[in-house]
Amino acid sequence: MTFLWAFLVGGGICVIGQLLFDVAKLTPAHVMSSFVVAGAVLDAFDLYDDLIEFAGAGATVPITSFGHSLMHGAMEEADKHGVIGVAVGMFGLTSAGIASAILFGFIMAVIFKPKG
């Protein structure tokens, strides 16, 4: 049953993204930014953790999880260290993902010839 809920929730997030592309005519950058902000807003209201418990990978794999991680880390460190903790928490929790995205993007650009 866990796989079914992960599939339905993850697929639902993808359907929302596809509708934003097709109906609202948003660009990929707008959709990605909207999903990151949506994940952060859901985490601010303590809803995204419940979604992760319910759907598992269906909620952790999409880009909305990145917004959740940013907000989650920022709020945890803000409680401990105040305002400076916001920046430390955001990047401390997500730095591995950001660094690997940059590294693999660079490697792919070296191996293949990017256009544009």
PDB file of N, CA and C in Angstrom:
ATOM      1  N   MET A   1       0.815  -1.194   0.000  1.00  0.00           N
ATOM      2  CA  MET A   1       0.000   0.000   0.000  1.00  0.00           C
ATOM      3  C   MET A   1       0.866   1.267   0.000  1.00  0.00           C
ATOM      4  N   THR A   2       2.053   1.150   0.612  1.00  0.00           N
ATOM      5  CA  THR A   2       2.967   2.297   0.664  1.00  0.00           C
ATOM      6  C   THR A   2       3.375   2.735  -0.735  1.00  0.00           C
ATOM      7  N   PHE A   3       3.637   1.755  -1.606  1.00  0.00           N
ATOM      8  CA  PHE A   3       4.047   2.092  -2.965  1.00  0.00           C
ATOM      9  C   PHE A   3       2.925   2.785  -3.737  1.00  0.00           C
ATOM     10  N   LEU A   4       1.705   2.352  -3.493  1.00  0.00           N
ATOM     11  CA  LEU A   4       0.567   2.971  -4.174  1.00  0.00           C
ATOM     12  C   LEU A   4       0.422   4.435  -3.777  1.00  0.00           C
ATOM     13  N   TRP A   5       0.507   4.732  -2.469  1.00  0.00           N
ATOM     14  CA  TRP A   5       0.375   6.121  -2.021  1.00  0.00           C
ATOM     15  C   TRP A   5       1.541   6.968  -2.509  1.00  0.00           C
ATOM     16  N   ALA A   6       2.755   6.395  -2.515  1.00  0.00           N
ATOM     17  CA  ALA A   6       3.905   7.142  -3.037  1.00  0.00           C
ATOM     18  C   ALA A   6       3.703   7.467  -4.511  1.00  0.00           C
ATOM     19  N   PHE A   7       3.208   6.490  -5.271  1.00  0.00           N
ATOM     20  CA  PHE A   7       2.954   6.706  -6.692  1.00  0.00           C
ATOM     21  C   PHE A   7       1.881   7.763  -6.922  1.00  0.00           C
ATOM     22  N   LEU A   8       0.798   7.694  -6.161  1.00  0.00           N
ATOM     23  CA  LEU A   8      -0.306   8.632  -6.355  1.00  0.00           C
ATOM     24  C   LEU A   8       0.074  10.056  -5.939  1.00  0.00           C
ATOM     25  N   VAL A   9       0.762  10.199  -4.818  1.00  0.00           N
ATOM     26  CA  VAL A   9       1.150  11.547  -4.371  1.00  0.00           C
ATOM     27  C   VAL A   9       2.210  12.132  -5.300  1.00  0.00           C
ATOM     28  N   GLY A  10       3.242  11.358  -5.618  1.00  0.00           N
ATOM     29  CA  GLY A  10       4.275  11.841  -6.540  1.00  0.00           C
ATOM     30  C   GLY A  10       3.702  12.136  -7.919  1.00  0.00           C
ATOM     31  N   GLY A  11       2.820  11.267  -8.386  1.00  0.00           N
ATOM     32  CA  GLY A  11       2.161  11.500  -9.672  1.00  0.00           C
ATOM     33  C   GLY A  11       1.258  12.721  -9.639  1.00  0.00           C
ATOM     34  N   GLY A  12       0.595  12.927  -8.507  1.00  0.00           N
ATOM     35  CA  GLY A  12      -0.256  14.114  -8.367  1.00  0.00           C
ATOM     36  C   GLY A  12       0.547  15.404  -8.439  1.00  0.00           C
ATOM     37  N   ILE A  13       1.718  15.390  -7.811  1.00  0.00           N
ATOM     38  CA  ILE A  13       2.595  16.568  -7.877  1.00  0.00           C
ATOM     39  C   ILE A  13       3.036  16.804  -9.323  1.00  0.00           C
ATOM     40  N   CYS A  14       3.342  15.722 -10.027  1.00  0.00           N
ATOM     41  CA  CYS A  14       3.748  15.854 -11.433  1.00  0.00           C
ATOM     42  C   CYS A  14       2.596  16.345 -12.305  1.00  0.00           C
ATOM     43  N   VAL A  15       1.385  15.900 -12.028  1.00  0.00           N
ATOM     44  CA  VAL A  15       0.213  16.355 -12.793  1.00  0.00           C
ATOM     45  C   VAL A  15       0.013  17.852 -12.587  1.00  0.00           C
ATOM     46  N   ILE A  16       0.178  18.312 -11.345  1.00  0.00           N
ATOM     47  CA  ILE A  16       0.056  19.752 -11.081  1.00  0.00           C
ATOM     48  C   ILE A  16       1.097  20.526 -11.883  1.00  0.00           C
ATOM     49  N   GLY A  17       2.326  20.024 -11.902  1.00  0.00           N
ATOM     50  CA  GLY A  17       3.375  20.676 -12.682  1.00  0.00           C
ATOM     51  C   GLY A  17       3.056  20.704 -14.168  1.00  0.00           C
ATOM     52  N   GLN A  18       2.561  19.586 -14.690  1.00  0.00           N
ATOM     53  CA  GLN A  18       2.221  19.535 -16.113  1.00  0.00           C
ATOM     54  C   GLN A  18       1.081  20.479 -16.446  1.00  0.00           C
ATOM     55  N   LEU A  19       0.107  20.596 -15.546  1.00  0.00           N
ATOM     56  CA  LEU A  19      -0.991  21.543 -15.771  1.00  0.00           C
ATOM     57  C   LEU A  19      -0.493  22.986 -15.750  1.00  0.00           C
ATOM     58  N   LEU A  20       0.462  23.266 -14.894  1.00  0.00           N
ATOM     59  CA  LEU A  20       1.035  24.615 -14.869  1.00  0.00           C
ATOM     60  C   LEU A  20       1.754  24.922 -16.181  1.00  0.00           C
ATOM     61  N   PHE A  21       2.396  23.915 -16.762  1.00  0.00           N
ATOM     62  CA  PHE A  21       3.044  24.099 -18.063  1.00  0.00           C
ATOM     63  C   PHE A  21       2.008  24.320 -19.167  1.00  0.00           C
ATOM     64  N   ASP A  22       1.031  23.433 -19.242  1.00  0.00           N
ATOM     65  CA  ASP A  22       0.102  23.418 -20.369  1.00  0.00           C
ATOM     66  C   ASP A  22      -1.000  24.471 -20.273  1.00  0.00           C
ATOM     67  N   VAL A  23      -1.597  24.618 -19.116  1.00  0.00           N
ATOM     68  CA  VAL A  23      -2.743  25.514 -18.973  1.00  0.00           C
ATOM     69  C   VAL A  23      -2.296  26.933 -18.650  1.00  0.00           C
ATOM     70  N   ALA A  24      -1.427  27.076 -17.653  1.00  0.00           N
ATOM     71  CA  ALA A  24      -1.001  28.411 -17.235  1.00  0.00           C
ATOM     72  C   ALA A  24       0.140  28.957 -18.092  1.00  0.00           C
ATOM     73  N   LYS A  25       0.720  28.100 -18.943  1.00  0.00           N
ATOM     74  CA  LYS A  25       1.819  28.490 -19.835  1.00  0.00           C
ATOM     75  C   LYS A  25       3.015  29.069 -19.064  1.00  0.00           C
ATOM     76  N   LEU A  26       3.309  28.485 -17.897  1.00  0.00           N
ATOM     77  CA  LEU A  26       4.467  28.925 -17.124  1.00  0.00           C
ATOM     78  C   LEU A  26       5.733  28.270 -17.661  1.00  0.00           C
ATOM     79  N   THR A  27       6.851  28.916 -17.457  1.00  0.00           N
ATOM     80  CA  THR A  27       8.133  28.364 -17.875  1.00  0.00           C
ATOM     81  C   THR A  27       8.614  27.352 -16.841  1.00  0.00           C
ATOM     82  N   PRO A  28       9.561  26.485 -17.203  1.00  0.00           N
ATOM     83  CA  PRO A  28      10.096  25.533 -16.223  1.00  0.00           C
ATOM     84  C   PRO A  28      10.672  26.219 -14.976  1.00  0.00           C
ATOM     85  N   ALA A  29      11.283  27.374 -15.152  1.00  0.00           N
ATOM     86  CA  ALA A  29      11.836  28.086 -13.992  1.00  0.00           C
ATOM     87  C   ALA A  29      10.735  28.538 -13.043  1.00  0.00           C
ATOM     88  N   HIS A  30       9.622  28.999 -13.594  1.00  0.00           N
ATOM     89  CA  HIS A  30       8.500  29.428 -12.755  1.00  0.00           C
ATOM     90  C   HIS A  30       7.890  28.253 -11.994  1.00  0.00           C
ATOM     91  N   VAL A  31       7.735  27.131 -12.680  1.00  0.00           N
ATOM     92  CA  VAL A  31       7.142  25.955 -12.040  1.00  0.00           C
ATOM     93  C   VAL A  31       8.058  25.425 -10.947  1.00  0.00           C
ATOM     94  N   MET A  32       9.340  25.346 -11.238  1.00  0.00           N
ATOM     95  CA  MET A  32      10.287  24.843 -10.236  1.00  0.00           C
ATOM     96  C   MET A  32      10.312  25.761  -9.014  1.00  0.00           C
ATOM     97  N   SER A  33      10.369  27.049  -9.234  1.00  0.00           N
ATOM     98  CA  SER A  33      10.364  28.001  -8.119  1.00  0.00           C
ATOM     99  C   SER A  33       9.064  27.910  -7.326  1.00  0.00           C
ATOM    100  N   SER A  34       7.960  27.749  -8.027  1.00  0.00           N
ATOM    101  CA  SER A  34       6.667  27.631  -7.347  1.00  0.00           C
ATOM    102  C   SER A  34       6.619  26.384  -6.476  1.00  0.00           C
ATOM    103  N   PHE A  35       7.166  25.284  -6.967  1.00  0.00           N
ATOM    104  CA  PHE A  35       7.170  24.049  -6.180  1.00  0.00           C
ATOM    105  C   PHE A  35       8.072  24.167  -4.956  1.00  0.00           C
ATOM    106  N   VAL A  36       9.214  24.815  -5.099  1.00  0.00           N
ATOM    107  CA  VAL A  36      10.099  25.001  -3.947  1.00  0.00           C
ATOM    108  C   VAL A  36       9.407  25.857  -2.895  1.00  0.00           C
ATOM    109  N   VAL A  37       8.763  26.929  -3.327  1.00  0.00           N
ATOM    110  CA  VAL A  37       8.044  27.799  -2.389  1.00  0.00           C
ATOM    111  C   VAL A  37       6.866  27.044  -1.766  1.00  0.00           C
ATOM    112  N   ALA A  38       6.168  26.248  -2.546  1.00  0.00           N
ATOM    113  CA  ALA A  38       5.040  25.468  -2.006  1.00  0.00           C
ATOM    114  C   ALA A  38       5.518  24.496  -0.941  1.00  0.00           C
ATOM    115  N   GLY A  39       6.653  23.846  -1.170  1.00  0.00           N
ATOM    116  CA  GLY A  39       7.206  22.945  -0.159  1.00  0.00           C
ATOM    117  C   GLY A  39       7.582  23.680   1.112  1.00  0.00           C
ATOM    118  N   ALA A  40       8.129  24.883   0.968  1.00  0.00           N
ATOM    119  CA  ALA A  40       8.498  25.684   2.140  1.00  0.00           C
ATOM    120  C   ALA A  40       7.256  26.135   2.900  1.00  0.00           C
ATOM    121  N   VAL A  41       6.218  26.536   2.176  1.00  0.00           N
ATOM    122  CA  VAL A  41       4.987  26.987   2.833  1.00  0.00           C
ATOM    123  C   VAL A  41       4.310  25.817   3.553  1.00  0.00           C
ATOM    124  N   LEU A  42       4.263  24.655   2.900  1.00  0.00           N
ATOM    125  CA  LEU A  42       3.684  23.481   3.559  1.00  0.00           C
ATOM    126  C   LEU A  42       4.463  23.108   4.812  1.00  0.00           C
ATOM    127  N   ASP A  43       5.791  23.265   4.779  1.00  0.00           N
ATOM    128  CA  ASP A  43       6.591  22.973   5.962  1.00  0.00           C
ATOM    129  C   ASP A  43       6.368  24.016   7.049  1.00  0.00           C
ATOM    130  N   ALA A  44       6.135  25.257   6.663  1.00  0.00           N
ATOM    131  CA  ALA A  44       5.887  26.308   7.653  1.00  0.00           C
ATOM    132  C   ALA A  44       4.623  26.021   8.458  1.00  0.00           C
ATOM    133  N   PHE A  45       3.657  25.369   7.843  1.00  0.00           N
ATOM    134  CA  PHE A  45       2.420  25.008   8.542  1.00  0.00           C
ATOM    135  C   PHE A  45       2.453  23.571   9.069  1.00  0.00           C
ATOM    136  N   ASP A  46       3.626  22.960   9.087  1.00  0.00           N
ATOM    137  CA  ASP A  46       3.824  21.584   9.583  1.00  0.00           C
ATOM    138  C   ASP A  46       2.970  20.557   8.840  1.00  0.00           C
ATOM    139  N   LEU A  47       2.766  20.761   7.561  1.00  0.00           N
ATOM    140  CA  LEU A  47       1.992  19.816   6.767  1.00  0.00           C
ATOM    141  C   LEU A  47       2.872  18.871   5.951  1.00  0.00           C
ATOM    142  N   TYR A  48       4.077  19.310   5.595  1.00  0.00           N
ATOM    143  CA  TYR A  48       4.897  18.498   4.700  1.00  0.00           C
ATOM    144  C   TYR A  48       5.451  17.265   5.402  1.00  0.00           C
ATOM    145  N   ASP A  49       5.754  17.365   6.700  1.00  0.00           N
ATOM    146  CA  ASP A  49       6.225  16.182   7.426  1.00  0.00           C
ATOM    147  C   ASP A  49       5.144  15.100   7.453  1.00  0.00           C
ATOM    148  N   ASP A  50       3.889  15.507   7.608  1.00  0.00           N
ATOM    149  CA  ASP A  50       2.788  14.545   7.570  1.00  0.00           C
ATOM    150  C   ASP A  50       2.662  13.918   6.187  1.00  0.00           C
ATOM    151  N   LEU A  51       2.871  14.715   5.151  1.00  0.00           N
ATOM    152  CA  LEU A  51       2.822  14.193   3.788  1.00  0.00           C
ATOM    153  C   LEU A  51       3.947  13.187   3.549  1.00  0.00           C
ATOM    154  N   ILE A  52       5.123  13.452   4.088  1.00  0.00           N
ATOM    155  CA  ILE A  52       6.245  12.517   3.947  1.00  0.00           C
ATOM    156  C   ILE A  52       5.951  11.214   4.682  1.00  0.00           C
ATOM    157  N   GLU A  53       5.379  11.292   5.875  1.00  0.00           N
ATOM    158  CA  GLU A  53       5.021  10.074   6.605  1.00  0.00           C
ATOM    159  C   GLU A  53       3.975   9.272   5.850  1.00  0.00           C
ATOM    160  N   PHE A  54       3.055   9.960   5.194  1.00  0.00           N
ATOM    161  CA  PHE A  54       1.981   9.291   4.473  1.00  0.00           C
ATOM    162  C   PHE A  54       2.460   8.695   3.150  1.00  0.00           C
ATOM    163  N   ALA A  55       3.214   9.471   2.369  1.00  0.00           N
ATOM    164  CA  ALA A  55       3.542   9.065   0.997  1.00  0.00           C
ATOM    165  C   ALA A  55       4.985   8.620   0.811  1.00  0.00           C
ATOM    166  N   GLY A  56       5.854   8.827   1.760  1.00  0.00           N
ATOM    167  CA  GLY A  56       7.244   8.390   1.624  1.00  0.00           C
ATOM    168  C   GLY A  56       7.942   9.070   0.464  1.00  0.00           C
ATOM    169  N   ALA A  57       8.484   8.249  -0.445  1.00  0.00           N
ATOM    170  CA  ALA A  57       9.254   8.772  -1.573  1.00  0.00           C
ATOM    171  C   ALA A  57       8.400   9.612  -2.521  1.00  0.00           C
ATOM    172  N   GLY A  58       7.092   9.420  -2.506  1.00  0.00           N
ATOM    173  CA  GLY A  58       6.218  10.241  -3.338  1.00  0.00           C
ATOM    174  C   GLY A  58       6.262  11.706  -2.954  1.00  0.00           C
ATOM    175  N   ALA A  59       6.670  11.986  -1.713  1.00  0.00           N
ATOM    176  CA  ALA A  59       6.778  13.368  -1.248  1.00  0.00           C
ATOM    177  C   ALA A  59       8.223  13.824  -1.123  1.00  0.00           C
ATOM    178  N   THR A  60       9.177  12.896  -0.989  1.00  0.00           N
ATOM    179  CA  THR A  60      10.575  13.307  -0.810  1.00  0.00           C
ATOM    180  C   THR A  60      11.332  13.455  -2.113  1.00  0.00           C
ATOM    181  N   VAL A  61      10.900  12.807  -3.174  1.00  0.00           N
ATOM    182  CA  VAL A  61      11.628  12.876  -4.441  1.00  0.00           C
ATOM    183  C   VAL A  61      11.356  14.164  -5.225  1.00  0.00           C
ATOM    184  N   PRO A  62      10.109  14.658  -5.319  1.00  0.00           N
ATOM    185  CA  PRO A  62       9.879  15.889  -6.092  1.00  0.00           C
ATOM    186  C   PRO A  62      10.595  17.106  -5.503  1.00  0.00           C
ATOM    187  N   ILE A  63      10.700  18.150  -6.290  1.00  0.00           N
ATOM    188  CA  ILE A  63      11.434  19.365  -5.908  1.00  0.00           C
ATOM    189  C   ILE A  63      10.782  20.084  -4.729  1.00  0.00           C
ATOM    190  N   THR A  64       9.530  19.788  -4.436  1.00  0.00           N
ATOM    191  CA  THR A  64       8.892  20.395  -3.269  1.00  0.00           C
ATOM    192  C   THR A  64       9.621  20.019  -1.988  1.00  0.00           C
ATOM    193  N   SER A  65      10.252  18.864  -1.994  1.00  0.00           N
ATOM    194  CA  SER A  65      11.012  18.425  -0.823  1.00  0.00           C
ATOM    195  C   SER A  65      12.217  19.329  -0.566  1.00  0.00           C
ATOM    196  N   PHE A  66      12.763  19.933  -1.607  1.00  0.00           N
ATOM    197  CA  PHE A  66      13.891  20.855  -1.431  1.00  0.00           C
ATOM    198  C   PHE A  66      13.441  22.094  -0.655  1.00  0.00           C
ATOM    199  N   GLY A  67      12.278  22.617  -0.966  1.00  0.00           N
ATOM    200  CA  GLY A  67      11.731  23.742  -0.210  1.00  0.00           C
ATOM    201  C   GLY A  67      11.471  23.364   1.235  1.00  0.00           C
ATOM    202  N   HIS A  68      10.982  22.144   1.431  1.00  0.00           N
ATOM    203  CA  HIS A  68      10.766  21.638   2.786  1.00  0.00           C
ATOM    204  C   HIS A  68      12.082  21.565   3.549  1.00  0.00           C
ATOM    205  N   SER A  69      13.120  21.062   2.911  1.00  0.00           N
ATOM    206  CA  SER A  69      14.426  20.945   3.572  1.00  0.00           C
ATOM    207  C   SER A  69      15.010  22.317   3.905  1.00  0.00           C
ATOM    208  N   LEU A  70      14.876  23.263   2.987  1.00  0.00           N
ATOM    209  CA  LEU A  70      15.370  24.615   3.263  1.00  0.00           C
ATOM    210  C   LEU A  70      14.679  25.219   4.479  1.00  0.00           C
ATOM    211  N   MET A  71      13.370  25.141   4.502  1.00  0.00           N
ATOM    212  CA  MET A  71      12.602  25.733   5.588  1.00  0.00           C
ATOM    213  C   MET A  71      12.821  24.989   6.903  1.00  0.00           C
ATOM    214  N   HIS A  72      12.879  23.669   6.822  1.00  0.00           N
ATOM    215  CA  HIS A  72      13.062  22.853   8.014  1.00  0.00           C
ATOM    216  C   HIS A  72      14.399  23.150   8.684  1.00  0.00           C
ATOM    217  N   GLY A  73      15.458  23.195   7.898  1.00  0.00           N
ATOM    218  CA  GLY A  73      16.784  23.506   8.440  1.00  0.00           C
ATOM    219  C   GLY A  73      16.862  24.915   8.985  1.00  0.00           C
ATOM    220  N   ALA A  74      16.255  25.851   8.286  1.00  0.00           N
ATOM    221  CA  ALA A  74      16.289  27.250   8.721  1.00  0.00           C
ATOM    222  C   ALA A  74      15.571  27.432  10.049  1.00  0.00           C
ATOM    223  N   MET A  75      14.425  26.813  10.199  1.00  0.00           N
ATOM    224  CA  MET A  75      13.657  26.971  11.433  1.00  0.00           C
ATOM    225  C   MET A  75      14.330  26.293  12.626  1.00  0.00           C
ATOM    226  N   GLU A  76      14.939  25.126  12.395  1.00  0.00           N
ATOM    227  CA  GLU A  76      15.635  24.445  13.484  1.00  0.00           C
ATOM    228  C   GLU A  76      16.805  25.274  13.997  1.00  0.00           C
ATOM    229  N   GLU A  77      17.617  25.788  13.088  1.00  0.00           N
ATOM    230  CA  GLU A  77      18.790  26.567  13.501  1.00  0.00           C
ATOM    231  C   GLU A  77      18.402  27.956  13.995  1.00  0.00           C
ATOM    232  N   ALA A  78      17.294  28.503  13.524  1.00  0.00           N
ATOM    233  CA  ALA A  78      16.851  29.808  14.016  1.00  0.00           C
ATOM    234  C   ALA A  78      16.465  29.724  15.490  1.00  0.00           C
ATOM    235  N   ASP A  79      15.908  28.591  15.889  1.00  0.00           N
ATOM    236  CA  ASP A  79      15.573  28.406  17.306  1.00  0.00           C
ATOM    237  C   ASP A  79      16.827  28.372  18.172  1.00  0.00           C
ATOM    238  N   LYS A  80      17.910  27.813  17.634  1.00  0.00           N
ATOM    239  CA  LYS A  80      19.144  27.673  18.407  1.00  0.00           C
ATOM    240  C   LYS A  80      20.010  28.930  18.374  1.00  0.00           C
ATOM    241  N   HIS A  81      20.164  29.535  17.177  1.00  0.00           N
ATOM    242  CA  HIS A  81      21.150  30.598  16.988  1.00  0.00           C
ATOM    243  C   HIS A  81      20.569  31.939  16.564  1.00  0.00           C
ATOM    244  N   GLY A  82      19.287  32.064  16.460  1.00  0.00           N
ATOM    245  CA  GLY A  82      18.689  33.337  16.071  1.00  0.00           C
ATOM    246  C   GLY A  82      18.735  33.559  14.572  1.00  0.00           C
ATOM    247  N   VAL A  83      18.877  34.816  14.176  1.00  0.00           N
ATOM    248  CA  VAL A  83      18.807  35.192  12.762  1.00  0.00           C
ATOM    249  C   VAL A  83      19.917  34.539  11.945  1.00  0.00           C
ATOM    250  N   ILE A  84      21.124  34.484  12.465  1.00  0.00           N
ATOM    251  CA  ILE A  84      22.240  33.875  11.723  1.00  0.00           C
ATOM    252  C   ILE A  84      21.995  32.384  11.493  1.00  0.00           C
ATOM    253  N   GLY A  85      21.215  31.780  12.375  1.00  0.00           N
ATOM    254  CA  GLY A  85      20.901  30.366  12.232  1.00  0.00           C
ATOM    255  C   GLY A  85      20.046  30.057  11.028  1.00  0.00           C
ATOM    256  N   VAL A  86      19.300  31.054  10.538  1.00  0.00           N
ATOM    257  CA  VAL A  86      18.457  30.829   9.358  1.00  0.00           C
ATOM    258  C   VAL A  86      19.327  30.446   8.160  1.00  0.00           C
ATOM    259  N   ALA A  87      20.364  31.239   7.887  1.00  0.00           N
ATOM    260  CA  ALA A  87      21.245  30.948   6.746  1.00  0.00           C
ATOM    261  C   ALA A  87      22.044  29.677   6.986  1.00  0.00           C
ATOM    262  N   VAL A  88      22.528  29.503   8.191  1.00  0.00           N
ATOM    263  CA  VAL A  88      23.321  28.310   8.505  1.00  0.00           C
ATOM    264  C   VAL A  88      22.476  27.053   8.349  1.00  0.00           C
ATOM    265  N   GLY A  89      21.250  27.090   8.835  1.00  0.00           N
ATOM    266  CA  GLY A  89      20.378  25.923   8.757  1.00  0.00           C
ATOM    267  C   GLY A  89      19.961  25.575   7.351  1.00  0.00           C
ATOM    268  N   MET A  90      19.649  26.596   6.552  1.00  0.00           N
ATOM    269  CA  MET A  90      19.227  26.334   5.171  1.00  0.00           C
ATOM    270  C   MET A  90      20.318  25.623   4.394  1.00  0.00           C
ATOM    271  N   PHE A  91      21.506  26.149   4.485  1.00  0.00           N
ATOM    272  CA  PHE A  91      22.572  25.606   3.654  1.00  0.00           C
ATOM    273  C   PHE A  91      23.243  24.407   4.285  1.00  0.00           C
ATOM    274  N   GLY A  92      23.175  24.277   5.592  1.00  0.00           N
ATOM    275  CA  GLY A  92      23.751  23.112   6.241  1.00  0.00           C
ATOM    276  C   GLY A  92      23.003  21.839   5.888  1.00  0.00           C
ATOM    277  N   LEU A  93      21.688  21.928   5.802  1.00  0.00           N
ATOM    278  CA  LEU A  93      20.873  20.751   5.531  1.00  0.00           C
ATOM    279  C   LEU A  93      20.843  20.398   4.047  1.00  0.00           C
ATOM    280  N   THR A  94      20.998  21.375   3.181  1.00  0.00           N
ATOM    281  CA  THR A  94      20.855  21.126   1.742  1.00  0.00           C
ATOM    282  C   THR A  94      22.161  21.227   0.966  1.00  0.00           C
ATOM    283  N   SER A  95      23.265  21.462   1.654  1.00  0.00           N
ATOM    284  CA  SER A  95      24.526  21.701   0.940  1.00  0.00           C
ATOM    285  C   SER A  95      24.992  20.492   0.129  1.00  0.00           C
ATOM    286  N   ALA A  96      24.751  19.292   0.606  1.00  0.00           N
ATOM    287  CA  ALA A  96      25.173  18.111  -0.154  1.00  0.00           C
ATOM    288  C   ALA A  96      24.435  18.028  -1.484  1.00  0.00           C
ATOM    289  N   GLY A  97      23.141  18.311  -1.485  1.00  0.00           N
ATOM    290  CA  GLY A  97      22.368  18.276  -2.724  1.00  0.00           C
ATOM    291  C   GLY A  97      22.775  19.363  -3.693  1.00  0.00           C
ATOM    292  N   ILE A  98      23.033  20.559  -3.166  1.00  0.00           N
ATOM    293  CA  ILE A  98      23.451  21.674  -4.016  1.00  0.00           C
ATOM    294  C   ILE A  98      24.828  21.389  -4.620  1.00  0.00           C
ATOM    295  N   ALA A  99      25.753  20.922  -3.789  1.00  0.00           N
ATOM    296  CA  ALA A  99      27.113  20.648  -4.271  1.00  0.00           C
ATOM    297  C   ALA A  99      27.116  19.536  -5.315  1.00  0.00           C
ATOM    298  N   SER A 100      26.341  18.478  -5.093  1.00  0.00           N
ATOM    299  CA  SER A 100      26.330  17.394  -6.073  1.00  0.00           C
ATOM    300  C   SER A 100      25.675  17.833  -7.382  1.00  0.00           C
ATOM    301  N   ALA A 101      24.658  18.679  -7.314  1.00  0.00           N
ATOM    302  CA  ALA A 101      24.027  19.175  -8.542  1.00  0.00           C
ATOM    303  C   ALA A 101      25.014  20.003  -9.359  1.00  0.00           C
ATOM    304  N   ILE A 102      25.783  20.837  -8.688  1.00  0.00           N
ATOM    305  CA  ILE A 102      26.787  21.645  -9.385  1.00  0.00           C
ATOM    306  C   ILE A 102      27.876  20.760  -9.979  1.00  0.00           C
ATOM    307  N   LEU A 103      28.362  19.795  -9.189  1.00  0.00           N
ATOM    308  CA  LEU A 103      29.436  18.908  -9.649  1.00  0.00           C
ATOM    309  C   LEU A 103      28.998  18.082 -10.846  1.00  0.00           C
ATOM    310  N   PHE A 104      27.842  17.432 -10.755  1.00  0.00           N
ATOM    311  CA  PHE A 104      27.384  16.596 -11.864  1.00  0.00           C
ATOM    312  C   PHE A 104      27.002  17.429 -13.083  1.00  0.00           C
ATOM    313  N   GLY A 105      26.488  18.631 -12.879  1.00  0.00           N
ATOM    314  CA  GLY A 105      26.222  19.528 -13.998  1.00  0.00           C
ATOM    315  C   GLY A 105      27.498  19.903 -14.729  1.00  0.00           C
ATOM    316  N   PHE A 106      28.563  20.166 -13.955  1.00  0.00           N
ATOM    317  CA  PHE A 106      29.855  20.486 -14.568  1.00  0.00           C
ATOM    318  C   PHE A 106      30.408  19.291 -15.334  1.00  0.00           C
ATOM    319  N   ILE A 107      30.334  18.107 -14.746  1.00  0.00           N
ATOM    320  CA  ILE A 107      30.852  16.907 -15.409  1.00  0.00           C
ATOM    321  C   ILE A 107      30.102  16.659 -16.715  1.00  0.00           C
ATOM    322  N   MET A 108      28.789  16.801 -16.704  1.00  0.00           N
ATOM    323  CA  MET A 108      28.009  16.594 -17.927  1.00  0.00           C
ATOM    324  C   MET A 108      28.343  17.650 -18.981  1.00  0.00           C
ATOM    325  N   ALA A 109      28.619  18.871 -18.557  1.00  0.00           N
ATOM    326  CA  ALA A 109      28.984  19.918 -19.502  1.00  0.00           C
ATOM    327  C   ALA A 109      30.351  19.659 -20.118  1.00  0.00           C
ATOM    328  N   VAL A 110      31.240  19.029 -19.369  1.00  0.00           N
ATOM    329  CA  VAL A 110      32.565  18.695 -19.906  1.00  0.00           C
ATOM    330  C   VAL A 110      32.470  17.530 -20.875  1.00  0.00           C
ATOM    331  N   ILE A 111      31.700  16.509 -20.530  1.00  0.00           N
ATOM    332  CA  ILE A 111      31.596  15.302 -21.360  1.00  0.00           C
ATOM    333  C   ILE A 111      30.816  15.605 -22.641  1.00  0.00           C
ATOM    334  N   PHE A 112      29.666  16.239 -22.504  1.00  0.00           N
ATOM    335  CA  PHE A 112      28.830  16.532 -23.659  1.00  0.00           C
ATOM    336  C   PHE A 112      28.974  18.008 -24.010  1.00  0.00           C
ATOM    337  N   LYS A 113      28.706  18.359 -25.231  1.00  0.00           N
ATOM    338  CA  LYS A 113      28.828  19.744 -25.649  1.00  0.00           C
ATOM    339  C   LYS A 113      27.489  20.442 -25.493  1.00  0.00           C
ATOM    340  N   PRO A 114      27.343  21.278 -24.473  1.00  0.00           N
ATOM    341  CA  PRO A 114      26.060  21.965 -24.275  1.00  0.00           C
ATOM    342  C   PRO A 114      25.806  22.986 -25.384  1.00  0.00           C
ATOM    343  N   LYS A 115      24.558  23.141 -25.706  1.00  0.00           N
ATOM    344  CA  LYS A 115      24.170  24.113 -26.726  1.00  0.00           C
ATOM    345  C   LYS A 115      23.499  25.279 -26.049  1.00  0.00           C
ATOM    346  N   GLY A 116      23.753  26.469 -26.534  1.00  0.00           N
ATOM    347  CA  GLY A 116      23.076  27.642 -26.030  1.00  0.00           C
ATOM    348  C   GLY A 116      23.851  28.462 -25.117  1.00  0.00           C
TER     349      GLY A 116
END
